[in-house]
Amino acid sequence: MTPGTRLGPYEILAPLGAGGMGEVYRARDSRLGREVAIKVLPEHLARDPAALARFEREACAVAALSHPNILALYDVGAEQGVSYAVLELLEGETLRPRLAGGAMAWRKAVDIGLVLAEALAAAHAKGIFHRDLKPENIFLTSDGRVKILDFGLAHVEHLAHDGATATQPGTVMGTAGYMSPEQVRGEPARAASDLFSLGCVLYEMVAGRRAFRRTSAADTLSAILRDEP
């Protein structure tokens, strides 16, 4: 979308990034006079039931949480066939580029790890399991805060009980190198699965290399099942 495009009360200012599940823009909320981030589900994905379910699952998961270290959701809406979510605008970078320079100081790694563990505990207490924790989904703000992003693959207990977002048995969900063994096997992922992923992130922060990395995704998944980090 071009600058000046409006989605309800929100005016698009500039693009921030894009991924497989949509595009993110900087926008201004005309009602409150503040800048926000808007995640847009493109029209072709809005017609895809699976993509729309994932988008809605992420909104429901984030809306159920109120924690200083989890990206905040302000609003959701639809305009001319485009579904969107209005999110807290963050300044900074994800953990991934920070790790490009090698291992972090262990005290800094511990500080980040503690914050992530507390945020995950808050989500787990609400019956929400992230299922895709990795450096790309951990944001380090320019003022020193840590935020968990992207609950698009989250398992939300109360929705799963309604059958709304239940995952089919045998479905592998997550990112190679950070998935727990049960995720690799296509088994249900719960709190322990997120803790395994957190362990992989902690390992990478202090060792300067990934805990499980092989020449192909298939070999990486096999390593998670049979090898020590």
Protein backbone atom coordinates (compact mmCIF):
# COMPACT_ATOMS: atom_id res chain seq x y z
CA MET A 1 0.00 0.00 0.00
CA THR A 2 1.16 3.50 -0.76
CA PRO A 3 1.55 6.31 1.79
CA GLY A 4 -1.74 8.06 2.36
CA THR A 5 -3.85 4.91 1.99
CA ARG A 6 -6.47 4.68 4.73
CA LEU A 7 -7.66 1.62 6.59
CA GLY A 8 -10.54 2.87 8.73
CA PRO A 9 -9.09 5.55 11.01
CA TYR A 10 -5.49 4.60 10.17
CA GLU A 11 -3.35 6.35 7.56
CA ILE A 12 -0.46 4.39 6.06
CA LEU A 13 2.84 6.28 6.34
CA ALA A 14 5.56 3.88 5.14
CA PRO A 15 6.33 0.16 4.72
CA LEU A 16 8.23 -1.55 7.53
CA GLY A 17 8.65 -5.07 6.18
CA ALA A 18 7.00 -8.05 4.58
CA GLY A 19 6.82 -11.80 5.14
CA GLY A 20 4.94 -14.87 4.08
CA MET A 21 1.87 -13.91 6.09
CA GLY A 22 1.56 -10.28 5.05
CA GLU A 23 3.05 -6.82 5.12
CA VAL A 24 3.71 -4.45 8.01
CA TYR A 25 3.40 -0.67 7.73
CA ARG A 26 3.99 2.35 9.91
CA ALA A 27 0.68 4.18 10.25
CA ARG A 28 -0.96 7.02 12.15
CA ASP A 29 -4.06 6.59 14.28
CA SER A 30 -6.10 9.70 13.45
CA ARG A 31 -8.23 9.34 16.55
CA LEU A 32 -5.44 9.21 19.13
CA GLY A 33 -2.72 10.99 17.16
CA ARG A 34 -0.15 8.24 17.67
CA GLU A 35 1.92 6.10 15.34
CA VAL A 36 1.27 2.37 15.22
CA ALA A 37 2.27 -0.67 13.19
CA ILE A 38 -0.34 -2.27 10.95
CA LYS A 39 -0.03 -5.87 9.81
CA VAL A 40 -2.04 -6.43 6.65
CA LEU A 41 -3.25 -9.76 5.34
CA PRO A 42 -3.24 -9.37 1.54
CA GLU A 43 -6.48 -9.96 -0.34
CA HIS A 44 -5.34 -13.25 -1.89
CA LEU A 45 -4.53 -14.65 1.57
CA ALA A 46 -7.77 -13.31 3.01
CA ARG A 47 -9.54 -15.75 0.69
CA ASP A 48 -7.42 -18.64 1.99
CA PRO A 49 -9.19 -20.22 5.00
CA ALA A 50 -5.93 -21.52 6.51
CA ALA A 51 -4.17 -18.16 6.20
CA LEU A 52 -7.15 -16.29 7.59
CA ALA A 53 -7.40 -18.73 10.51
CA ARG A 54 -3.72 -18.19 11.30
CA PHE A 55 -4.13 -14.41 11.15
CA GLU A 56 -7.17 -14.56 13.45
CA ARG A 57 -5.40 -16.99 15.80
CA GLU A 58 -2.52 -14.57 16.20
CA ALA A 59 -4.91 -11.70 16.97
CA CYS A 60 -6.80 -13.79 19.54
CA ALA A 61 -3.56 -14.93 21.18
CA VAL A 62 -2.04 -11.46 21.49
CA ALA A 63 -5.36 -9.91 22.57
CA ALA A 64 -5.52 -12.38 25.47
CA LEU A 65 -2.13 -11.27 26.75
CA SER A 66 -1.08 -8.13 28.55
CA HIS A 67 2.62 -8.30 29.30
CA PRO A 68 5.35 -5.68 28.86
CA ASN A 69 7.53 -8.15 26.95
CA ILE A 70 4.90 -9.31 24.45
CA LEU A 71 3.99 -7.15 21.45
CA ALA A 72 0.71 -5.37 22.21
CA LEU A 73 -2.35 -5.56 19.97
CA TYR A 74 -4.48 -2.39 19.80
CA ASP A 75 -7.17 -3.15 17.23
CA VAL A 76 -8.29 -5.38 14.35
CA GLY A 77 -10.43 -4.59 11.34
CA ALA A 78 -11.23 -5.14 7.68
CA GLU A 79 -11.43 -2.58 4.88
CA GLN A 80 -12.31 -3.33 1.26
CA GLY A 81 -11.49 -7.00 1.64
CA VAL A 82 -8.20 -6.40 3.49
CA SER A 83 -7.91 -7.76 7.04
CA TYR A 84 -5.50 -5.96 9.33
CA ALA A 85 -4.20 -5.90 12.89
CA VAL A 86 -3.03 -2.74 14.64
CA LEU A 87 0.04 -3.34 16.78
CA GLU A 88 2.44 -1.50 19.03
CA LEU A 89 5.10 0.27 16.96
CA LEU A 90 8.62 -0.82 17.95
CA GLU A 91 11.95 0.80 17.14
CA GLY A 92 15.04 -1.39 17.09
CA GLU A 93 15.89 -4.78 15.59
CA THR A 94 15.27 -8.48 16.07
CA LEU A 95 17.75 -10.69 17.89
CA ARG A 96 18.90 -12.24 14.57
CA PRO A 97 21.16 -9.38 13.37
CA ARG A 98 22.52 -9.00 16.91
CA LEU A 99 23.69 -12.62 16.77
CA ALA A 100 25.41 -12.11 13.42
CA GLY A 101 28.43 -10.78 15.27
CA GLY A 102 28.86 -13.96 17.31
CA ALA A 103 28.30 -14.78 20.96
CA MET A 104 26.86 -12.20 23.32
CA ALA A 105 28.21 -11.34 26.76
CA TRP A 106 26.76 -13.98 29.06
CA ARG A 107 25.25 -11.44 31.44
CA LYS A 108 23.34 -9.86 28.55
CA ALA A 109 22.19 -13.32 27.42
CA VAL A 110 20.95 -14.08 30.94
CA ASP A 111 19.07 -10.76 31.11
CA ILE A 112 17.31 -11.48 27.80
CA GLY A 113 16.66 -15.10 28.77
CA LEU A 114 15.00 -14.14 32.04
CA VAL A 115 12.70 -11.68 30.29
CA LEU A 116 11.75 -14.25 27.65
CA ALA A 117 11.06 -16.90 30.29
CA GLU A 118 8.78 -14.53 32.20
CA ALA A 119 6.88 -13.57 29.04
CA LEU A 120 6.43 -17.22 28.04
CA ALA A 121 5.25 -18.07 31.56
CA ALA A 122 2.59 -15.35 31.27
CA ALA A 123 1.43 -16.76 27.92
CA HIS A 124 1.42 -20.35 29.20
CA ALA A 125 -0.66 -19.31 32.21
CA LYS A 126 -3.30 -18.16 29.70
CA GLY A 127 -3.15 -21.47 27.82
CA ILE A 128 -1.21 -19.94 24.89
CA PHE A 129 1.84 -21.70 23.46
CA HIS A 130 3.96 -19.79 20.93
CA ARG A 131 5.39 -22.78 19.01
CA ASP A 132 7.80 -20.68 16.92
CA LEU A 133 10.20 -18.94 19.29
CA LYS A 134 13.41 -18.02 17.43
CA PRO A 135 15.71 -14.98 17.10
CA GLU A 136 13.57 -13.54 14.28
CA ASN A 137 10.59 -13.41 16.67
CA ILE A 138 12.48 -11.72 19.51
CA PHE A 139 12.73 -7.94 19.22
CA LEU A 140 15.28 -5.75 21.01
CA THR A 141 14.01 -2.18 21.20
CA SER A 142 16.26 0.84 20.95
CA ASP A 143 15.43 1.71 24.58
CA GLY A 144 16.53 -1.68 25.93
CA ARG A 145 13.28 -3.67 26.12
CA VAL A 146 12.71 -7.21 24.84
CA LYS A 147 9.50 -8.19 23.03
CA ILE A 148 8.20 -11.53 21.76
CA LEU A 149 6.62 -11.22 18.30
CA ASP A 150 4.52 -13.31 15.93
CA PHE A 151 1.99 -15.59 17.57
CA GLY A 152 0.80 -16.76 14.15
CA LEU A 153 1.57 -20.41 14.93
CA ALA A 154 0.36 -20.21 18.52
CA HIS A 155 -1.81 -22.90 20.06
CA VAL A 156 -4.63 -21.26 22.01
CA GLU A 157 -6.27 -23.71 24.39
CA HIS A 158 -9.76 -22.23 24.54
CA LEU A 159 -9.94 -21.93 20.76
CA ALA A 160 -8.66 -25.47 20.25
CA HIS A 161 -11.36 -26.77 22.60
CA ASP A 162 -13.91 -25.11 20.32
CA GLY A 163 -12.25 -26.76 17.30
CA ALA A 164 -11.58 -23.35 15.78
CA THR A 165 -7.80 -23.62 15.46
CA ALA A 166 -7.04 -27.24 16.28
CA THR A 167 -3.94 -28.61 14.63
CA GLN A 168 -4.26 -31.91 12.83
CA PRO A 169 -2.20 -34.74 14.37
CA GLY A 170 1.05 -35.27 12.48
CA THR A 171 1.30 -31.65 11.33
CA VAL A 172 4.84 -30.28 11.74
CA MET A 173 4.75 -26.62 12.80
CA GLY A 174 7.70 -24.41 13.68
CA THR A 175 11.15 -23.52 12.35
CA ALA A 176 13.89 -26.08 11.76
CA GLY A 177 16.62 -25.69 14.35
CA TYR A 178 14.32 -24.35 17.07
CA MET A 179 11.51 -26.92 17.11
CA SER A 180 11.21 -29.28 20.05
CA PRO A 181 11.44 -33.05 19.44
CA GLU A 182 7.68 -33.41 19.85
CA GLN A 183 7.10 -30.74 17.20
CA VAL A 184 9.44 -32.56 14.82
CA ARG A 185 7.38 -35.71 15.37
CA GLY A 186 4.13 -33.85 14.69
CA GLU A 187 2.97 -34.32 18.29
CA PRO A 188 1.10 -31.67 20.34
CA ALA A 189 3.30 -28.76 21.42
CA ARG A 190 2.80 -27.27 24.86
CA ALA A 191 4.79 -25.24 27.41
CA ALA A 192 7.80 -27.58 27.38
CA SER A 193 8.06 -27.11 23.61
CA ASP A 194 8.51 -23.35 24.02
CA LEU A 195 11.12 -23.97 26.72
CA PHE A 196 13.10 -26.20 24.36
CA SER A 197 13.01 -23.41 21.76
CA LEU A 198 14.10 -20.93 24.43
CA GLY A 199 17.00 -23.25 25.26
CA CYS A 200 18.05 -23.22 21.60
CA VAL A 201 17.99 -19.42 21.58
CA LEU A 202 19.98 -19.20 24.83
CA TYR A 203 22.54 -21.65 23.45
CA GLU A 204 22.97 -19.53 20.34
CA MET A 205 23.37 -16.33 22.36
CA VAL A 206 26.17 -17.70 24.56
CA ALA A 207 27.88 -20.12 22.12
CA GLY A 208 27.77 -17.94 19.03
CA ARG A 209 26.41 -20.80 16.92
CA ARG A 210 23.13 -22.66 16.58
CA ALA A 211 22.49 -25.64 18.80
CA PHE A 212 21.26 -27.72 15.86
CA ARG A 213 22.39 -26.79 12.37
CA ARG A 214 23.12 -29.18 9.55
CA THR A 215 23.42 -28.87 5.77
CA SER A 216 19.68 -29.33 5.17
CA ALA A 217 16.43 -28.78 7.05
CA ALA A 218 15.80 -32.54 7.11
CA ASP A 219 19.21 -33.23 8.66
CA THR A 220 18.64 -30.45 11.19
CA LEU A 221 15.33 -31.99 12.25
CA SER A 222 17.00 -35.39 12.57
CA ALA A 223 19.73 -33.85 14.72
CA ILE A 224 17.12 -32.49 17.12
CA LEU A 225 15.80 -36.01 17.61
CA ARG A 226 19.11 -37.86 18.02
CA ASP A 227 22.06 -35.50 18.70
CA GLU A 228 23.35 -33.47 21.61
CA PRO A 229 23.74 -29.73 20.93
